[in-house]
């Protein structure tokens, strides 16, 4: 069965279900209002809401130019980064970016000492 151009356009217009391809992976999440977080993606509701497990807020980092680089290389200056303690489960609203991390980046983030006042 051959699809017409109209059929293809109709298929492309259909709402796609949210992606679960990163679920279970260690990711960096950027939200519109709450900042940046790193943790294991537990659930992506597809509407800007995500749940992270074992997450840390990425409050301040040094040694990566962008979140993209941080997600791939980690941070080079671990002693100058400010990442608070890990929390077991985090519900984040307004998520506008999810970047899957490499194992090297995950280890780098984990090696940053807990920042606290």
Foldseek 3Di string as FASTA:
>chain_A
DDDDPVRVVVVVPDDDADDPVQAQFWKWWQFPPPGIKTAHWNDDRRQQKTKGAFMKGFPAAAAAPDVQRLQEQNHDCLAPTAIAGTDGMDIGGRTDDIGGHDPNSVVNVVPRDHDDD
